[in-house]
Amino acid sequence: MELNNKLKLIIMKLGWGWKIAILYSCFVVMMVTLVVASNRQKMDLVSKNYYEDELMFQKTLDAGKNQAGLSKPVLIHADKDSVTIDFPDEFRSKVLSGDICFYSPANEDWDKNFKISTNNNIVTISRKSLHDTKYTIKINCAVDGKKYYQESEIQLHS
């Protein structure tokens, strides 16, 4: 009880200038703490060559329109051992080239790229090289000189 009364007495004896200085000091300490905490956060950009990728975006939009004109989208299925990517019937007897990118927003180190190598219009990717996380799958392919692009999301878990 006596300590509480002494504390109240000290606070009452402080002038308004000291109270403002203490308030300002607390604000400065809080701001420095927030700056230090934000500098410790890991920041992964979507791409290291963001500007160049932005300039190529129109080609991606055109390839996406080509993809939308197909009879069905590229189908993606995952099981415990593999991820299966099934291309539309229009590609069945044609040479398919391009790549498949597994982009992980959680960690840049988990991103994976695979070249398209079809077997009966299907690409099978082993789960051993992928993590249990959410991936955005970006499929860039070309058939007969025409480019196609599709983005799909998939949640991989054991």
C-alpha atoms as a PDB file:
ATOM      1  CA  MET A   1       0.000   0.000   0.000  1.00  0.00           C
ATOM      2  CA  GLU A   2       2.802   2.384   0.962  1.00  0.00           C
ATOM      3  CA  LEU A   3       4.664   1.696  -2.318  1.00  0.00           C
ATOM      4  CA  ASN A   4       1.520   2.458  -4.304  1.00  0.00           C
ATOM      5  CA  ASN A   5       1.117   5.808  -2.509  1.00  0.00           C
ATOM      6  CA  LYS A   6       4.790   6.688  -3.176  1.00  0.00           C
ATOM      7  CA  LEU A   7       4.360   5.911  -6.874  1.00  0.00           C
ATOM      8  CA  LYS A   8       1.282   8.127  -7.062  1.00  0.00           C
ATOM      9  CA  LEU A   9       3.194  10.907  -5.301  1.00  0.00           C
ATOM     10  CA  ILE A  10       6.114  10.658  -7.766  1.00  0.00           C
ATOM     11  CA  ILE A  11       3.747  10.784 -10.751  1.00  0.00           C
ATOM     12  CA  MET A  12       1.958  13.807  -9.304  1.00  0.00           C
ATOM     13  CA  LYS A  13       5.283  15.626  -8.743  1.00  0.00           C
ATOM     14  CA  LEU A  14       6.361  15.122 -12.373  1.00  0.00           C
ATOM     15  CA  GLY A  15       5.657  18.190 -14.444  1.00  0.00           C
ATOM     16  CA  TRP A  16       3.776  18.033 -17.721  1.00  0.00           C
ATOM     17  CA  GLY A  17       7.051  18.424 -19.644  1.00  0.00           C
ATOM     18  CA  TRP A  18       8.455  15.238 -18.120  1.00  0.00           C
ATOM     19  CA  LYS A  19       5.249  13.364 -18.838  1.00  0.00           C
ATOM     20  CA  ILE A  20       5.420  14.399 -22.509  1.00  0.00           C
ATOM     21  CA  ALA A  21       9.112  13.370 -22.669  1.00  0.00           C
ATOM     22  CA  ILE A  22       8.310   9.943 -21.217  1.00  0.00           C
ATOM     23  CA  LEU A  23       5.429   9.483 -23.657  1.00  0.00           C
ATOM     24  CA  TYR A  24       7.613  10.524 -26.602  1.00  0.00           C
ATOM     25  CA  SER A  25      10.422   8.174 -25.449  1.00  0.00           C
ATOM     26  CA  CYS A  26       7.990   5.251 -25.252  1.00  0.00           C
ATOM     27  CA  PHE A  27       6.802   6.046 -28.785  1.00  0.00           C
ATOM     28  CA  VAL A  28      10.397   6.116 -30.095  1.00  0.00           C
ATOM     29  CA  VAL A  29      11.211   2.794 -28.413  1.00  0.00           C
ATOM     30  CA  MET A  30       8.073   1.240 -29.921  1.00  0.00           C
ATOM     31  CA  MET A  31       8.937   2.516 -33.436  1.00  0.00           C
ATOM     32  CA  VAL A  32      12.533   1.243 -33.214  1.00  0.00           C
ATOM     33  CA  THR A  33      11.213  -2.145 -32.089  1.00  0.00           C
ATOM     34  CA  LEU A  34       8.824  -2.302 -35.074  1.00  0.00           C
ATOM     35  CA  VAL A  35      11.574  -1.315 -37.539  1.00  0.00           C
ATOM     36  CA  VAL A  36      13.947  -3.964 -36.191  1.00  0.00           C
ATOM     37  CA  ALA A  37      11.202  -6.625 -36.260  1.00  0.00           C
ATOM     38  CA  SER A  38      10.202  -5.762 -39.835  1.00  0.00           C
ATOM     39  CA  ASN A  39      13.826  -5.911 -41.033  1.00  0.00           C
ATOM     40  CA  ARG A  40      14.108  -9.460 -39.694  1.00  0.00           C
ATOM     41  CA  GLN A  41      11.173 -10.668 -41.817  1.00  0.00           C
ATOM     42  CA  LYS A  42      12.071 -12.798 -44.835  1.00  0.00           C
ATOM     43  CA  MET A  43      10.769 -11.231 -48.034  1.00  0.00           C
ATOM     44  CA  ASP A  44      10.569 -13.368 -51.178  1.00  0.00           C
ATOM     45  CA  LEU A  45       9.644 -11.594 -54.364  1.00  0.00           C
ATOM     46  CA  VAL A  46       7.572 -13.451 -56.901  1.00  0.00           C
ATOM     47  CA  SER A  47      10.426 -13.087 -59.373  1.00  0.00           C
ATOM     48  CA  LYS A  48      13.962 -11.719 -59.249  1.00  0.00           C
ATOM     49  CA  ASN A  49      13.475 -10.284 -62.763  1.00  0.00           C
ATOM     50  CA  TYR A  50      10.139  -8.670 -62.009  1.00  0.00           C
ATOM     51  CA  TYR A  51      10.404  -5.841 -64.559  1.00  0.00           C
ATOM     52  CA  GLU A  52      11.330  -8.104 -67.473  1.00  0.00           C
ATOM     53  CA  ASP A  53       8.577 -10.532 -66.492  1.00  0.00           C
ATOM     54  CA  GLU A  54       6.054  -7.690 -66.461  1.00  0.00           C
ATOM     55  CA  LEU A  55       6.971  -6.757 -70.036  1.00  0.00           C
ATOM     56  CA  MET A  56       6.324 -10.371 -71.120  1.00  0.00           C
ATOM     57  CA  PHE A  57       2.939 -10.449 -69.391  1.00  0.00           C
ATOM     58  CA  GLN A  58       0.961  -9.614 -72.561  1.00  0.00           C
ATOM     59  CA  LYS A  59       2.272 -12.789 -74.185  1.00  0.00           C
ATOM     60  CA  THR A  60       1.084 -14.701 -71.123  1.00  0.00           C
ATOM     61  CA  LEU A  61      -2.383 -13.154 -71.440  1.00  0.00           C
ATOM     62  CA  ASP A  62      -2.550 -14.174 -75.114  1.00  0.00           C
ATOM     63  CA  ALA A  63      -1.462 -17.730 -74.249  1.00  0.00           C
ATOM     64  CA  GLY A  64      -4.155 -17.819 -71.531  1.00  0.00           C
ATOM     65  CA  LYS A  65      -6.791 -16.872 -74.130  1.00  0.00           C
ATOM     66  CA  ASN A  66      -5.544 -19.710 -76.341  1.00  0.00           C
ATOM     67  CA  GLN A  67      -5.876 -22.090 -73.369  1.00  0.00           C
ATOM     68  CA  ALA A  68      -9.447 -20.923 -72.724  1.00  0.00           C
ATOM     69  CA  GLY A  69     -10.357 -21.878 -76.295  1.00  0.00           C
ATOM     70  CA  LEU A  70      -9.554 -25.550 -75.753  1.00  0.00           C
ATOM     71  CA  SER A  71     -12.201 -28.234 -75.185  1.00  0.00           C
ATOM     72  CA  LYS A  72     -11.198 -28.622 -71.528  1.00  0.00           C
ATOM     73  CA  PRO A  73      -8.553 -27.226 -69.194  1.00  0.00           C
ATOM     74  CA  VAL A  74      -5.399 -29.068 -68.212  1.00  0.00           C
ATOM     75  CA  LEU A  75      -6.457 -31.425 -65.409  1.00  0.00           C
ATOM     76  CA  ILE A  76      -4.228 -31.810 -62.353  1.00  0.00           C
ATOM     77  CA  HIS A  77      -4.523 -34.610 -59.824  1.00  0.00           C
ATOM     78  CA  ALA A  78      -2.274 -35.418 -56.860  1.00  0.00           C
ATOM     79  CA  ASP A  79      -1.971 -38.578 -54.841  1.00  0.00           C
ATOM     80  CA  LYS A  80       0.557 -39.603 -52.194  1.00  0.00           C
ATOM     81  CA  ASP A  81       3.235 -40.597 -54.758  1.00  0.00           C
ATOM     82  CA  SER A  82       2.832 -38.267 -57.731  1.00  0.00           C
ATOM     83  CA  VAL A  83       1.183 -35.283 -59.370  1.00  0.00           C
ATOM     84  CA  THR A  84      -0.498 -36.148 -62.688  1.00  0.00           C
ATOM     85  CA  ILE A  85      -1.107 -33.491 -65.330  1.00  0.00           C
ATOM     86  CA  ASP A  86      -3.509 -34.485 -68.106  1.00  0.00           C
ATOM     87  CA  PHE A  87      -3.528 -32.319 -71.247  1.00  0.00           C
ATOM     88  CA  PRO A  88      -6.629 -31.828 -73.450  1.00  0.00           C
ATOM     89  CA  ASP A  89      -7.412 -34.198 -76.333  1.00  0.00           C
ATOM     90  CA  GLU A  90      -6.382 -31.570 -78.916  1.00  0.00           C
ATOM     91  CA  PHE A  91      -2.739 -32.257 -77.963  1.00  0.00           C
ATOM     92  CA  ARG A  92      -2.961 -36.076 -78.161  1.00  0.00           C
ATOM     93  CA  SER A  93      -0.995 -36.756 -81.368  1.00  0.00           C
ATOM     94  CA  LYS A  94       1.098 -33.576 -81.356  1.00  0.00           C
ATOM     95  CA  VAL A  95       4.536 -32.630 -80.064  1.00  0.00           C
ATOM     96  CA  LEU A  96       4.148 -30.706 -76.819  1.00  0.00           C
ATOM     97  CA  SER A  97       6.980 -28.510 -75.490  1.00  0.00           C
ATOM     98  CA  GLY A  98       7.273 -26.165 -72.568  1.00  0.00           C
ATOM     99  CA  ASP A  99       7.643 -26.217 -68.825  1.00  0.00           C
ATOM    100  CA  ILE A 100       5.658 -26.649 -65.631  1.00  0.00           C
ATOM    101  CA  CYS A 101       6.486 -24.405 -62.673  1.00  0.00           C
ATOM    102  CA  PHE A 102       5.428 -25.261 -59.132  1.00  0.00           C
ATOM    103  CA  TYR A 103       5.461 -21.906 -57.305  1.00  0.00           C
ATOM    104  CA  SER A 104       5.292 -21.964 -53.513  1.00  0.00           C
ATOM    105  CA  PRO A 105       4.240 -18.663 -51.925  1.00  0.00           C
ATOM    106  CA  ALA A 106       5.432 -19.989 -48.551  1.00  0.00           C
ATOM    107  CA  ASN A 107       9.100 -20.430 -49.453  1.00  0.00           C
ATOM    108  CA  GLU A 108      11.108 -19.523 -52.552  1.00  0.00           C
ATOM    109  CA  ASP A 109      13.386 -22.526 -52.042  1.00  0.00           C
ATOM    110  CA  TRP A 110      10.442 -24.900 -52.587  1.00  0.00           C
ATOM    111  CA  ASP A 111       9.785 -23.650 -56.155  1.00  0.00           C
ATOM    112  CA  LYS A 112      10.351 -26.353 -58.786  1.00  0.00           C
ATOM    113  CA  ASN A 113      10.472 -26.304 -62.604  1.00  0.00           C
ATOM    114  CA  PHE A 114       9.949 -29.328 -64.846  1.00  0.00           C
ATOM    115  CA  LYS A 115      10.193 -29.717 -68.624  1.00  0.00           C
ATOM    116  CA  ILE A 116       7.097 -31.138 -70.266  1.00  0.00           C
ATOM    117  CA  SER A 117       7.650 -34.732 -71.300  1.00  0.00           C
ATOM    118  CA  THR A 118       4.329 -36.401 -72.071  1.00  0.00           C
ATOM    119  CA  ASN A 119       3.459 -40.064 -72.111  1.00  0.00           C
ATOM    120  CA  ASN A 120       0.032 -40.640 -73.696  1.00  0.00           C
ATOM    121  CA  ASN A 121      -0.791 -36.917 -73.205  1.00  0.00           C
ATOM    122  CA  ILE A 122      -0.013 -37.137 -69.465  1.00  0.00           C
ATOM    123  CA  VAL A 123       2.889 -35.750 -67.403  1.00  0.00           C
ATOM    124  CA  THR A 124       3.658 -37.488 -64.121  1.00  0.00           C
ATOM    125  CA  ILE A 125       5.815 -35.732 -61.503  1.00  0.00           C
ATOM    126  CA  SER A 126       7.114 -37.530 -58.433  1.00  0.00           C
ATOM    127  CA  ARG A 127       6.070 -36.076 -55.059  1.00  0.00           C
ATOM    128  CA  LYS A 128       9.576 -36.730 -53.668  1.00  0.00           C
ATOM    129  CA  SER A 129      10.819 -33.400 -55.052  1.00  0.00           C
ATOM    130  CA  LEU A 130       7.793 -31.430 -53.792  1.00  0.00           C
ATOM    131  CA  HIS A 131       6.887 -30.273 -50.287  1.00  0.00           C
ATOM    132  CA  ASP A 132       3.560 -30.586 -48.493  1.00  0.00           C
ATOM    133  CA  THR A 133       2.320 -27.047 -49.130  1.00  0.00           C
ATOM    134  CA  LYS A 134       0.084 -24.983 -51.382  1.00  0.00           C
ATOM    135  CA  TYR A 135       1.480 -24.608 -54.907  1.00  0.00           C
ATOM    136  CA  THR A 136       0.464 -22.453 -57.830  1.00  0.00           C
ATOM    137  CA  ILE A 137       1.131 -24.568 -60.906  1.00  0.00           C
ATOM    138  CA  LYS A 138       2.030 -22.492 -63.972  1.00  0.00           C
ATOM    139  CA  ILE A 139       1.913 -24.477 -67.202  1.00  0.00           C
ATOM    140  CA  ASN A 140       3.566 -22.871 -70.265  1.00  0.00           C
ATOM    141  CA  CYS A 141       3.395 -25.021 -73.360  1.00  0.00           C
ATOM    142  CA  ALA A 142       3.474 -24.746 -77.136  1.00  0.00           C
ATOM    143  CA  VAL A 143       1.878 -26.939 -79.779  1.00  0.00           C
ATOM    144  CA  ASP A 144       2.356 -26.302 -83.495  1.00  0.00           C
ATOM    145  CA  GLY A 145       3.835 -22.867 -82.760  1.00  0.00           C
ATOM    146  CA  LYS A 146       0.827 -21.759 -80.699  1.00  0.00           C
ATOM    147  CA  LYS A 147       1.447 -20.987 -77.016  1.00  0.00           C
ATOM    148  CA  TYR A 148      -0.825 -21.974 -74.140  1.00  0.00           C
ATOM    149  CA  TYR A 149      -0.770 -20.943 -70.477  1.00  0.00           C
ATOM    150  CA  GLN A 150      -2.733 -22.125 -67.463  1.00  0.00           C
ATOM    151  CA  GLU A 151      -2.423 -21.411 -63.746  1.00  0.00           C
ATOM    152  CA  SER A 152      -3.935 -23.728 -61.168  1.00  0.00           C
ATOM    153  CA  GLU A 153      -3.631 -24.069 -57.413  1.00  0.00           C
ATOM    154  CA  ILE A 154      -3.144 -27.311 -55.573  1.00  0.00           C
ATOM    155  CA  GLN A 155      -2.697 -28.160 -51.891  1.00  0.00           C
ATOM    156  CA  LEU A 156      -0.283 -31.045 -51.388  1.00  0.00           C
ATOM    157  CA  HIS A 157      -0.428 -32.964 -48.121  1.00  0.00           C
ATOM    158  CA  SER A 158       0.532 -36.425 -46.991  1.00  0.00           C
END
